[in-house]
Amino acid sequence: MEDRDLVIRAAKGSVDAFNLLVSRHEKRVFNYLLRIVGQREDALDLTQDVFLKAYQNLAKLGDVDRFSPWLFRIAHNEAYSLLRRNRPDTAELVYDPPTADSRDGMFPVEMSLAVERALGRLTPEQREAVVLKIFQGFKFEEMAEILDVPLSTIKSRLYAALDVLKGALAPVKG
């Protein structure tokens, strides 16, 4: 069953349909939030909040085919609300990359840490563009909708971020 059908059923009160939407999107939303807020517990709490708000506001969704961007817009808003509450003295997102045990010298772990460090060099806006495009697979138009900025802004943020990442990760390549 397509998301649009589930959204229609859920909007009419089907809890089972909404639960299926949650199971389809929960991992992506959690991973997005984790990369934005940097803390697993916060990302878990926010994920629950996002789906609660989505359930409460499903009737307000104008275009059922836009469920995924709409859901990520809620996630974006929730993440930045948390960041503002936790850091009232700064409007800027601070990324705290996860740490790993240095005893494990496996190449995939090293690459993962290098990517996390490189993401830490990006501005919050660039990082979010990378997370939405590369890690979540959204189209530019959907990203503009999620972040509520012009398409040209999304593209410039992403391309600037990719330049930074390219420079930051170049030494890692063999």
Foldseek 3Di string as FASTA:
>chain_A
DDQLVLLVVLLVPDPVSLVVVCVVCLVLLLVLLCQQQVDNVLSVVLSVVLSVVCSVCSPVDDDSVLVVLVSLLSSVVSSQVVVCVVCVPDSFGQHDHDDDDPVDPDLVVVVVVLQSVLLRPAGSLLSSLCCCCPVVNDDLVSVCSSVVHDSVVSVVSPVVSVVSSCVSCVVVDD
